[in-house]
Amino acid sequence: MKTYFLRAVTSMLGLGISFVLLLIPVACLSAYIAYLIANIFPPSVRFTGVGVAMNVSDGIIGGLSPFISLGLVRIFHAQNSIIFYVFICAIISYIYYRNRIK
């Protein structure tokens, strides 16, 4: 999402309103993903399945991301080298999704 227009906002109220408007699609997407993940598990283990899956994945991916990103910046000496990590995660997700659909 391009947020270049936020540079022109001069008041804190305008900035706050802009961020709220930008976060609405993010909130909708997050709610939809939670709904989809909850429907993967049967009702008897839904709470445990979703909780374990979300927390373990957040811990692994979210916990390692800063270290991997800093490592890439130090190796390549460029701030934009972090995109390699995001790109690799996207490729892994795509491969898993494609194999799951078949």
PDB file of N, CA and C in Angstrom:
ATOM      1  N   MET A   1       0.843  -1.161   0.000  1.00  0.00           N
ATOM      2  CA  MET A   1       0.000   0.000   0.000  1.00  0.00           C
ATOM      3  C   MET A   1       0.898   1.237   0.000  1.00  0.00           C
ATOM      4  N   LYS A   2       0.660   2.104  -0.939  1.00  0.00           N
ATOM      5  CA  LYS A   2       1.499   3.296  -1.045  1.00  0.00           C
ATOM      6  C   LYS A   2       0.998   4.359  -0.083  1.00  0.00           C
ATOM      7  N   THR A   3       1.904   4.875   0.697  1.00  0.00           N
ATOM      8  CA  THR A   3       1.546   5.872   1.701  1.00  0.00           C
ATOM      9  C   THR A   3       2.324   7.174   1.497  1.00  0.00           C
ATOM     10  N   TYR A   4       2.663   7.477   0.259  1.00  0.00           N
ATOM     11  CA  TYR A   4       3.423   8.700  -0.012  1.00  0.00           C
ATOM     12  C   TYR A   4       2.640   9.954   0.349  1.00  0.00           C
ATOM     13  N   PHE A   5       1.320   9.879   0.275  1.00  0.00           N
ATOM     14  CA  PHE A   5       0.500  11.051   0.574  1.00  0.00           C
ATOM     15  C   PHE A   5       0.610  11.466   2.036  1.00  0.00           C
ATOM     16  N   LEU A   6       1.096  10.578   2.905  1.00  0.00           N
ATOM     17  CA  LEU A   6       1.214  10.930   4.314  1.00  0.00           C
ATOM     18  C   LEU A   6       2.273  12.005   4.562  1.00  0.00           C
ATOM     19  N   ARG A   7       3.171  12.193   3.617  1.00  0.00           N
ATOM     20  CA  ARG A   7       4.184  13.250   3.770  1.00  0.00           C
ATOM     21  C   ARG A   7       3.560  14.633   3.728  1.00  0.00           C
ATOM     22  N   ALA A   8       2.414  14.752   3.051  1.00  0.00           N
ATOM     23  CA  ALA A   8       1.766  16.048   2.925  1.00  0.00           C
ATOM     24  C   ALA A   8       0.901  16.394   4.132  1.00  0.00           C
ATOM     25  N   VAL A   9       0.639  15.428   4.996  1.00  0.00           N
ATOM     26  CA  VAL A   9      -0.205  15.674   6.168  1.00  0.00           C
ATOM     27  C   VAL A   9       0.618  16.442   7.189  1.00  0.00           C
ATOM     28  N   THR A  10       0.069  17.569   7.644  1.00  0.00           N
ATOM     29  CA  THR A  10       0.836  18.420   8.565  1.00  0.00           C
ATOM     30  C   THR A  10       0.313  18.376   9.994  1.00  0.00           C
ATOM     31  N   SER A  11      -0.901  17.903  10.211  1.00  0.00           N
ATOM     32  CA  SER A  11      -1.448  17.892  11.570  1.00  0.00           C
ATOM     33  C   SER A  11      -1.478  16.469  12.126  1.00  0.00           C
ATOM     34  N   MET A  12      -1.413  16.378  13.427  1.00  0.00           N
ATOM     35  CA  MET A  12      -1.471  15.070  14.076  1.00  0.00           C
ATOM     36  C   MET A  12      -2.842  14.440  13.901  1.00  0.00           C
ATOM     37  N   LEU A  13      -3.891  15.230  13.887  1.00  0.00           N
ATOM     38  CA  LEU A  13      -5.231  14.699  13.686  1.00  0.00           C
ATOM     39  C   LEU A  13      -5.362  14.092  12.290  1.00  0.00           C
ATOM     40  N   GLY A  14      -4.859  14.787  11.311  1.00  0.00           N
ATOM     41  CA  GLY A  14      -4.884  14.264   9.944  1.00  0.00           C
ATOM     42  C   GLY A  14      -4.078  12.994   9.807  1.00  0.00           C
ATOM     43  N   LEU A  15      -2.942  12.951  10.475  1.00  0.00           N
ATOM     44  CA  LEU A  15      -2.109  11.758  10.446  1.00  0.00           C
ATOM     45  C   LEU A  15      -2.821  10.583  11.114  1.00  0.00           C
ATOM     46  N   GLY A  16      -3.468  10.863  12.254  1.00  0.00           N
ATOM     47  CA  GLY A  16      -4.204   9.804  12.946  1.00  0.00           C
ATOM     48  C   GLY A  16      -5.349   9.268  12.111  1.00  0.00           C
ATOM     49  N   ILE A  17      -6.099  10.155  11.468  1.00  0.00           N
ATOM     50  CA  ILE A  17      -7.206   9.733  10.609  1.00  0.00           C
ATOM     51  C   ILE A  17      -6.681   8.924   9.423  1.00  0.00           C
ATOM     52  N   SER A  18      -5.562   9.343   8.863  1.00  0.00           N
ATOM     53  CA  SER A  18      -4.978   8.613   7.738  1.00  0.00           C
ATOM     54  C   SER A  18      -4.569   7.206   8.149  1.00  0.00           C
ATOM     55  N   PHE A  19      -3.959   7.058   9.304  1.00  0.00           N
ATOM     56  CA  PHE A  19      -3.551   5.735   9.757  1.00  0.00           C
ATOM     57  C   PHE A  19      -4.751   4.845  10.044  1.00  0.00           C
ATOM     58  N   VAL A  20      -5.796   5.404  10.612  1.00  0.00           N
ATOM     59  CA  VAL A  20      -7.006   4.616  10.863  1.00  0.00           C
ATOM     60  C   VAL A  20      -7.586   4.125   9.541  1.00  0.00           C
ATOM     61  N   LEU A  21      -7.638   5.010   8.544  1.00  0.00           N
ATOM     62  CA  LEU A  21      -8.162   4.610   7.239  1.00  0.00           C
ATOM     63  C   LEU A  21      -7.284   3.557   6.572  1.00  0.00           C
ATOM     64  N   LEU A  22      -5.986   3.630   6.783  1.00  0.00           N
ATOM     65  CA  LEU A  22      -5.083   2.628   6.217  1.00  0.00           C
ATOM     66  C   LEU A  22      -5.173   1.291   6.948  1.00  0.00           C
ATOM     67  N   LEU A  23      -5.526   1.324   8.212  1.00  0.00           N
ATOM     68  CA  LEU A  23      -5.584   0.087   8.990  1.00  0.00           C
ATOM     69  C   LEU A  23      -6.892  -0.680   8.808  1.00  0.00           C
ATOM     70  N   ILE A  24      -7.916  -0.057   8.271  1.00  0.00           N
ATOM     71  CA  ILE A  24      -9.185  -0.762   8.066  1.00  0.00           C
ATOM     72  C   ILE A  24      -9.013  -1.979   7.148  1.00  0.00           C
ATOM     73  N   PRO A  25      -8.362  -1.873   5.977  1.00  0.00           N
ATOM     74  CA  PRO A  25      -8.183  -3.075   5.155  1.00  0.00           C
ATOM     75  C   PRO A  25      -7.316  -4.133   5.844  1.00  0.00           C
ATOM     76  N   VAL A  26      -6.343  -3.702   6.613  1.00  0.00           N
ATOM     77  CA  VAL A  26      -5.495  -4.655   7.327  1.00  0.00           C
ATOM     78  C   VAL A  26      -6.306  -5.423   8.365  1.00  0.00           C
ATOM     79  N   ALA A  27      -7.173  -4.727   9.076  1.00  0.00           N
ATOM     80  CA  ALA A  27      -8.018  -5.380  10.070  1.00  0.00           C
ATOM     81  C   ALA A  27      -8.987  -6.355   9.413  1.00  0.00           C
ATOM     82  N   CYS A  28      -9.547  -5.970   8.289  1.00  0.00           N
ATOM     83  CA  CYS A  28     -10.466  -6.868   7.578  1.00  0.00           C
ATOM     84  C   CYS A  28      -9.742  -8.125   7.105  1.00  0.00           C
ATOM     85  N   LEU A  29      -8.555  -7.967   6.593  1.00  0.00           N
ATOM     86  CA  LEU A  29      -7.781  -9.116   6.143  1.00  0.00           C
ATOM     87  C   LEU A  29      -7.397 -10.008   7.314  1.00  0.00           C
ATOM     88  N   SER A  30      -7.005  -9.432   8.416  1.00  0.00           N
ATOM     89  CA  SER A  30      -6.644 -10.218   9.596  1.00  0.00           C
ATOM     90  C   SER A  30      -7.840 -11.015  10.117  1.00  0.00           C
ATOM     91  N   ALA A  31      -9.011 -10.421  10.117  1.00  0.00           N
ATOM     92  CA  ALA A  31     -10.209 -11.122  10.575  1.00  0.00           C
ATOM     93  C   ALA A  31     -10.551 -12.266   9.632  1.00  0.00           C
ATOM     94  N   TYR A  32     -10.401 -12.066   8.350  1.00  0.00           N
ATOM     95  CA  TYR A  32     -10.702 -13.114   7.380  1.00  0.00           C
ATOM     96  C   TYR A  32      -9.721 -14.275   7.505  1.00  0.00           C
ATOM     97  N   ILE A  33      -8.449 -13.973   7.710  1.00  0.00           N
ATOM     98  CA  ILE A  33      -7.447 -15.034   7.883  1.00  0.00           C
ATOM     99  C   ILE A  33      -7.741 -15.840   9.139  1.00  0.00           C
ATOM    100  N   ALA A  34      -8.117 -15.180  10.220  1.00  0.00           N
ATOM    101  CA  ALA A  34      -8.466 -15.905  11.447  1.00  0.00           C
ATOM    102  C   ALA A  34      -9.670 -16.812  11.213  1.00  0.00           C
ATOM    103  N   TYR A  35     -10.658 -16.348  10.454  1.00  0.00           N
ATOM    104  CA  TYR A  35     -11.826 -17.165  10.129  1.00  0.00           C
ATOM    105  C   TYR A  35     -11.418 -18.393   9.320  1.00  0.00           C
ATOM    106  N   LEU A  36     -10.557 -18.202   8.327  1.00  0.00           N
ATOM    107  CA  LEU A  36     -10.118 -19.335   7.510  1.00  0.00           C
ATOM    108  C   LEU A  36      -9.321 -20.347   8.322  1.00  0.00           C
ATOM    109  N   ILE A  37      -8.447 -19.867   9.171  1.00  0.00           N
ATOM    110  CA  ILE A  37      -7.635 -20.773   9.989  1.00  0.00           C
ATOM    111  C   ILE A  37      -8.508 -21.539  10.969  1.00  0.00           C
ATOM    112  N   ALA A  38      -9.517 -20.880  11.526  1.00  0.00           N
ATOM    113  CA  ALA A  38     -10.405 -21.562  12.477  1.00  0.00           C
ATOM    114  C   ALA A  38     -11.193 -22.673  11.805  1.00  0.00           C
ATOM    115  N   ASN A  39     -11.504 -22.535  10.538  1.00  0.00           N
ATOM    116  CA  ASN A  39     -12.264 -23.567   9.842  1.00  0.00           C
ATOM    117  C   ASN A  39     -11.422 -24.754   9.402  1.00  0.00           C
ATOM    118  N   ILE A  40     -10.129 -24.680   9.558  1.00  0.00           N
ATOM    119  CA  ILE A  40      -9.265 -25.815   9.215  1.00  0.00           C
ATOM    120  C   ILE A  40      -9.446 -26.943  10.226  1.00  0.00           C
ATOM    121  N   PHE A  41      -9.645 -26.582  11.480  1.00  0.00           N
ATOM    122  CA  PHE A  41      -9.694 -27.565  12.556  1.00  0.00           C
ATOM    123  C   PHE A  41     -11.133 -27.946  12.885  1.00  0.00           C
ATOM    124  N   PRO A  42     -11.353 -29.206  13.310  1.00  0.00           N
ATOM    125  CA  PRO A  42     -12.693 -29.596  13.761  1.00  0.00           C
ATOM    126  C   PRO A  42     -13.046 -28.877  15.061  1.00  0.00           C
ATOM    127  N   PRO A  43     -14.343 -28.718  15.343  1.00  0.00           N
ATOM    128  CA  PRO A  43     -14.749 -27.939  16.525  1.00  0.00           C
ATOM    129  C   PRO A  43     -14.179 -28.449  17.848  1.00  0.00           C
ATOM    130  N   SER A  44     -13.931 -29.739  17.964  1.00  0.00           N
ATOM    131  CA  SER A  44     -13.456 -30.269  19.250  1.00  0.00           C
ATOM    132  C   SER A  44     -12.045 -29.805  19.598  1.00  0.00           C
ATOM    133  N   VAL A  45     -11.216 -29.495  18.611  1.00  0.00           N
ATOM    134  CA  VAL A  45      -9.838 -29.061  18.879  1.00  0.00           C
ATOM    135  C   VAL A  45      -9.538 -27.699  18.262  1.00  0.00           C
ATOM    136  N   ARG A  46     -10.562 -26.965  17.890  1.00  0.00           N
ATOM    137  CA  ARG A  46     -10.374 -25.701  17.167  1.00  0.00           C
ATOM    138  C   ARG A  46      -9.570 -24.689  17.970  1.00  0.00           C
ATOM    139  N   PHE A  47      -9.918 -24.483  19.218  1.00  0.00           N
ATOM    140  CA  PHE A  47      -9.241 -23.474  20.027  1.00  0.00           C
ATOM    141  C   PHE A  47      -7.763 -23.822  20.206  1.00  0.00           C
ATOM    142  N   THR A  48      -7.494 -25.080  20.542  1.00  0.00           N
ATOM    143  CA  THR A  48      -6.110 -25.515  20.735  1.00  0.00           C
ATOM    144  C   THR A  48      -5.342 -25.496  19.421  1.00  0.00           C
ATOM    145  N   GLY A  49      -5.962 -25.979  18.353  1.00  0.00           N
ATOM    146  CA  GLY A  49      -5.279 -26.029  17.055  1.00  0.00           C
ATOM    147  C   GLY A  49      -4.895 -24.659  16.548  1.00  0.00           C
ATOM    148  N   VAL A  50      -5.832 -23.732  16.619  1.00  0.00           N
ATOM    149  CA  VAL A  50      -5.543 -22.374  16.149  1.00  0.00           C
ATOM    150  C   VAL A  50      -4.515 -21.704  17.045  1.00  0.00           C
ATOM    151  N   GLY A  51      -4.665 -21.875  18.345  1.00  0.00           N
ATOM    152  CA  GLY A  51      -3.732 -21.242  19.281  1.00  0.00           C
ATOM    153  C   GLY A  51      -2.309 -21.723  19.108  1.00  0.00           C
ATOM    154  N   VAL A  52      -2.151 -23.031  19.025  1.00  0.00           N
ATOM    155  CA  VAL A  52      -0.799 -23.589  18.858  1.00  0.00           C
ATOM    156  C   VAL A  52      -0.216 -23.196  17.507  1.00  0.00           C
ATOM    157  N   ALA A  53      -1.014 -23.337  16.448  1.00  0.00           N
ATOM    158  CA  ALA A  53      -0.505 -23.021  15.109  1.00  0.00           C
ATOM    159  C   ALA A  53      -0.091 -21.554  14.988  1.00  0.00           C
ATOM    160  N   MET A  54      -0.940 -20.658  15.476  1.00  0.00           N
ATOM    161  CA  MET A  54      -0.631 -19.233  15.353  1.00  0.00           C
ATOM    162  C   MET A  54       0.556 -18.824  16.224  1.00  0.00           C
ATOM    163  N   ASN A  55       0.596 -19.303  17.458  1.00  0.00           N
ATOM    164  CA  ASN A  55       1.669 -18.886  18.363  1.00  0.00           C
ATOM    165  C   ASN A  55       3.017 -19.475  17.991  1.00  0.00           C
ATOM    166  N   VAL A  56       3.044 -20.715  17.556  1.00  0.00           N
ATOM    167  CA  VAL A  56       4.321 -21.315  17.151  1.00  0.00           C
ATOM    168  C   VAL A  56       4.839 -20.638  15.884  1.00  0.00           C
ATOM    169  N   SER A  57       3.952 -20.411  14.918  1.00  0.00           N
ATOM    170  CA  SER A  57       4.411 -19.764  13.680  1.00  0.00           C
ATOM    171  C   SER A  57       4.833 -18.317  13.937  1.00  0.00           C
ATOM    172  N   ASP A  58       4.086 -17.600  14.770  1.00  0.00           N
ATOM    173  CA  ASP A  58       4.493 -16.232  15.109  1.00  0.00           C
ATOM    174  C   ASP A  58       5.820 -16.207  15.858  1.00  0.00           C
ATOM    175  N   GLY A  59       6.017 -17.165  16.741  1.00  0.00           N
ATOM    176  CA  GLY A  59       7.270 -17.226  17.496  1.00  0.00           C
ATOM    177  C   GLY A  59       8.464 -17.516  16.612  1.00  0.00           C
ATOM    178  N   ILE A  60       8.295 -18.463  15.694  1.00  0.00           N
ATOM    179  CA  ILE A  60       9.422 -18.829  14.821  1.00  0.00           C
ATOM    180  C   ILE A  60       9.694 -17.725  13.806  1.00  0.00           C
ATOM    181  N   ILE A  61       8.683 -17.343  13.054  1.00  0.00           N
ATOM    182  CA  ILE A  61       8.879 -16.337  12.007  1.00  0.00           C
ATOM    183  C   ILE A  61       9.147 -14.961  12.615  1.00  0.00           C
ATOM    184  N   GLY A  62       8.327 -14.557  13.562  1.00  0.00           N
ATOM    185  CA  GLY A  62       8.506 -13.239  14.175  1.00  0.00           C
ATOM    186  C   GLY A  62       9.753 -13.139  15.027  1.00  0.00           C
ATOM    187  N   GLY A  63      10.137 -14.247  15.649  1.00  0.00           N
ATOM    188  CA  GLY A  63      11.326 -14.226  16.496  1.00  0.00           C
ATOM    189  C   GLY A  63      12.624 -14.224  15.718  1.00  0.00           C
ATOM    190  N   LEU A  64      12.628 -14.898  14.574  1.00  0.00           N
ATOM    191  CA  LEU A  64      13.851 -14.972  13.780  1.00  0.00           C
ATOM    192  C   LEU A  64      13.990 -13.848  12.757  1.00  0.00           C
ATOM    193  N   SER A  65      12.907 -13.192  12.429  1.00  0.00           N
ATOM    194  CA  SER A  65      12.949 -12.159  11.383  1.00  0.00           C
ATOM    195  C   SER A  65      13.947 -11.034  11.656  1.00  0.00           C
ATOM    196  N   PRO A  66      14.000 -10.471  12.865  1.00  0.00           N
ATOM    197  CA  PRO A  66      14.988  -9.400  13.083  1.00  0.00           C
ATOM    198  C   PRO A  66      16.431  -9.868  12.913  1.00  0.00           C
ATOM    199  N   PHE A  67      16.723 -11.087  13.364  1.00  0.00           N
ATOM    200  CA  PHE A  67      18.091 -11.592  13.238  1.00  0.00           C
ATOM    201  C   PHE A  67      18.452 -11.870  11.780  1.00  0.00           C
ATOM    202  N   ILE A  68      17.517 -12.456  11.047  1.00  0.00           N
ATOM    203  CA  ILE A  68      17.768 -12.727   9.632  1.00  0.00           C
ATOM    204  C   ILE A  68      17.901 -11.411   8.864  1.00  0.00           C
ATOM    205  N   SER A  69      17.033 -10.449   9.143  1.00  0.00           N
ATOM    206  CA  SER A  69      17.094  -9.162   8.449  1.00  0.00           C
ATOM    207  C   SER A  69      18.401  -8.431   8.731  1.00  0.00           C
ATOM    208  N   LEU A  70      18.812  -8.400   9.995  1.00  0.00           N
ATOM    209  CA  LEU A  70      20.089  -7.758  10.328  1.00  0.00           C
ATOM    210  C   LEU A  70      21.261  -8.475   9.681  1.00  0.00           C
ATOM    211  N   GLY A  71      21.202  -9.800   9.651  1.00  0.00           N
ATOM    212  CA  GLY A  71      22.260 -10.568   8.999  1.00  0.00           C
ATOM    213  C   GLY A  71      22.367 -10.255   7.521  1.00  0.00           C
ATOM    214  N   LEU A  72      21.222 -10.146   6.839  1.00  0.00           N
ATOM    215  CA  LEU A  72      21.241  -9.809   5.422  1.00  0.00           C
ATOM    216  C   LEU A  72      21.789  -8.410   5.182  1.00  0.00           C
ATOM    217  N   VAL A  73      21.429  -7.463   6.041  1.00  0.00           N
ATOM    218  CA  VAL A  73      21.945  -6.102   5.893  1.00  0.00           C
ATOM    219  C   VAL A  73      23.457  -6.084   6.106  1.00  0.00           C
ATOM    220  N   ARG A  74      23.942  -6.833   7.079  1.00  0.00           N
ATOM    221  CA  ARG A  74      25.397  -6.864   7.332  1.00  0.00           C
ATOM    222  C   ARG A  74      26.158  -7.581   6.228  1.00  0.00           C
ATOM    223  N   ILE A  75      25.570  -8.633   5.652  1.00  0.00           N
ATOM    224  CA  ILE A  75      26.255  -9.376   4.588  1.00  0.00           C
ATOM    225  C   ILE A  75      26.305  -8.562   3.304  1.00  0.00           C
ATOM    226  N   PHE A  76      25.154  -8.000   2.894  1.00  0.00           N
ATOM    227  CA  PHE A  76      25.070  -7.309   1.614  1.00  0.00           C
ATOM    228  C   PHE A  76      25.329  -5.815   1.712  1.00  0.00           C
ATOM    229  N   HIS A  77      25.417  -5.264   2.918  1.00  0.00           N
ATOM    230  CA  HIS A  77      25.668  -3.834   3.136  1.00  0.00           C
ATOM    231  C   HIS A  77      24.653  -2.955   2.407  1.00  0.00           C
ATOM    232  N   ALA A  78      23.402  -3.385   2.422  1.00  0.00           N
ATOM    233  CA  ALA A  78      22.326  -2.611   1.789  1.00  0.00           C
ATOM    234  C   ALA A  78      21.046  -2.796   2.591  1.00  0.00           C
ATOM    235  N   GLN A  79      20.351  -1.698   2.828  1.00  0.00           N
ATOM    236  CA  GLN A  79      19.110  -1.752   3.595  1.00  0.00           C
ATOM    237  C   GLN A  79      18.020  -2.537   2.865  1.00  0.00           C
ATOM    238  N   ASN A  80      18.012  -2.495   1.546  1.00  0.00           N
ATOM    239  CA  ASN A  80      16.958  -3.165   0.797  1.00  0.00           C
ATOM    240  C   ASN A  80      17.189  -4.667   0.640  1.00  0.00           C
ATOM    241  N   SER A  81      18.231  -5.210   1.228  1.00  0.00           N
ATOM    242  CA  SER A  81      18.464  -6.655   1.139  1.00  0.00           C
ATOM    243  C   SER A  81      17.470  -7.447   1.975  1.00  0.00           C
ATOM    244  N   ILE A  82      16.716  -6.785   2.839  1.00  0.00           N
ATOM    245  CA  ILE A  82      15.691  -7.454   3.635  1.00  0.00           C
ATOM    246  C   ILE A  82      14.613  -8.027   2.732  1.00  0.00           C
ATOM    247  N   ILE A  83      14.431  -7.458   1.551  1.00  0.00           N
ATOM    248  CA  ILE A  83      13.399  -7.942   0.638  1.00  0.00           C
ATOM    249  C   ILE A  83      13.679  -9.382   0.210  1.00  0.00           C
ATOM    250  N   PHE A  84      14.940  -9.827   0.239  1.00  0.00           N
ATOM    251  CA  PHE A  84      15.241 -11.217  -0.099  1.00  0.00           C
ATOM    252  C   PHE A  84      14.564 -12.165   0.877  1.00  0.00           C
ATOM    253  N   TYR A  85      14.574 -11.830   2.144  1.00  0.00           N
ATOM    254  CA  TYR A  85      13.928 -12.651   3.163  1.00  0.00           C
ATOM    255  C   TYR A  85      12.417 -12.710   2.941  1.00  0.00           C
ATOM    256  N   VAL A  86      11.824 -11.571   2.646  1.00  0.00           N
ATOM    257  CA  VAL A  86      10.380 -11.523   2.386  1.00  0.00           C
ATOM    258  C   VAL A  86      10.053 -12.321   1.130  1.00  0.00           C
ATOM    259  N   PHE A  87      10.888 -12.204   0.116  1.00  0.00           N
ATOM    260  CA  PHE A  87      10.675 -12.919  -1.143  1.00  0.00           C
ATOM    261  C   PHE A  87      10.772 -14.429  -0.944  1.00  0.00           C
ATOM    262  N   ILE A  88      11.746 -14.883  -0.178  1.00  0.00           N
ATOM    263  CA  ILE A  88      11.897 -16.318   0.092  1.00  0.00           C
ATOM    264  C   ILE A  88      10.702 -16.839   0.880  1.00  0.00           C
ATOM    265  N   CYS A  89      10.230 -16.091   1.867  1.00  0.00           N
ATOM    266  CA  CYS A  89       9.032 -16.495   2.614  1.00  0.00           C
ATOM    267  C   CYS A  89       7.820 -16.573   1.699  1.00  0.00           C
ATOM    268  N   ALA A  90       7.704 -15.641   0.764  1.00  0.00           N
ATOM    269  CA  ALA A  90       6.581 -15.651  -0.174  1.00  0.00           C
ATOM    270  C   ALA A  90       6.654 -16.861  -1.098  1.00  0.00           C
ATOM    271  N   ILE A  91       7.841 -17.212  -1.553  1.00  0.00           N
ATOM    272  CA  ILE A  91       7.998 -18.380  -2.420  1.00  0.00           C
ATOM    273  C   ILE A  91       7.641 -19.661  -1.668  1.00  0.00           C
ATOM    274  N   ILE A  92       8.105 -19.790  -0.435  1.00  0.00           N
ATOM    275  CA  ILE A  92       7.773 -20.970   0.372  1.00  0.00           C
ATOM    276  C   ILE A  92       6.263 -21.060   0.578  1.00  0.00           C
ATOM    277  N   SER A  93       5.621 -19.949   0.872  1.00  0.00           N
ATOM    278  CA  SER A  93       4.166 -19.940   1.056  1.00  0.00           C
ATOM    279  C   SER A  93       3.445 -20.331  -0.221  1.00  0.00           C
ATOM    280  N   TYR A  94       3.910 -19.825  -1.349  1.00  0.00           N
ATOM    281  CA  TYR A  94       3.288 -20.158  -2.625  1.00  0.00           C
ATOM    282  C   TYR A  94       3.424 -21.640  -2.948  1.00  0.00           C
ATOM    283  N   ILE A  95       4.613 -22.197  -2.733  1.00  0.00           N
ATOM    284  CA  ILE A  95       4.832 -23.622  -3.009  1.00  0.00           C
ATOM    285  C   ILE A  95       3.939 -24.477  -2.126  1.00  0.00           C
ATOM    286  N   TYR A  96       3.850 -24.133  -0.855  1.00  0.00           N
ATOM    287  CA  TYR A  96       2.986 -24.890   0.053  1.00  0.00           C
ATOM    288  C   TYR A  96       1.529 -24.772  -0.372  1.00  0.00           C
ATOM    289  N   TYR A  97       1.095 -23.590  -0.712  1.00  0.00           N
ATOM    290  CA  TYR A  97      -0.297 -23.372  -1.117  1.00  0.00           C
ATOM    291  C   TYR A  97      -0.606 -24.127  -2.401  1.00  0.00           C
ATOM    292  N   ARG A  98       0.302 -24.070  -3.356  1.00  0.00           N
ATOM    293  CA  ARG A  98       0.082 -24.758  -4.642  1.00  0.00           C
ATOM    294  C   ARG A  98      -0.019 -26.261  -4.443  1.00  0.00           C
ATOM    295  N   ASN A  99       0.846 -26.830  -3.578  1.00  0.00           N
ATOM    296  CA  ASN A  99       0.799 -28.270  -3.320  1.00  0.00           C
ATOM    297  C   ASN A  99      -0.426 -28.671  -2.535  1.00  0.00           C
ATOM    298  N   ARG A 100      -0.926 -27.782  -1.714  1.00  0.00           N
ATOM    299  CA  ARG A 100      -2.111 -28.085  -0.912  1.00  0.00           C
ATOM    300  C   ARG A 100      -3.378 -28.095  -1.759  1.00  0.00           C
ATOM    301  N   ILE A 101      -3.417 -27.268  -2.792  1.00  0.00           N
ATOM    302  CA  ILE A 101      -4.592 -27.169  -3.658  1.00  0.00           C
ATOM    303  C   ILE A 101      -4.746 -28.444  -4.498  1.00  0.00           C
ATOM    304  N   LYS A 102      -3.654 -29.049  -4.900  1.00  0.00           N
ATOM    305  CA  LYS A 102      -3.727 -30.231  -5.783  1.00  0.00           C
ATOM    306  C   LYS A 102      -4.402 -31.377  -5.157  1.00  0.00           C
TER     307      LYS A 102
END
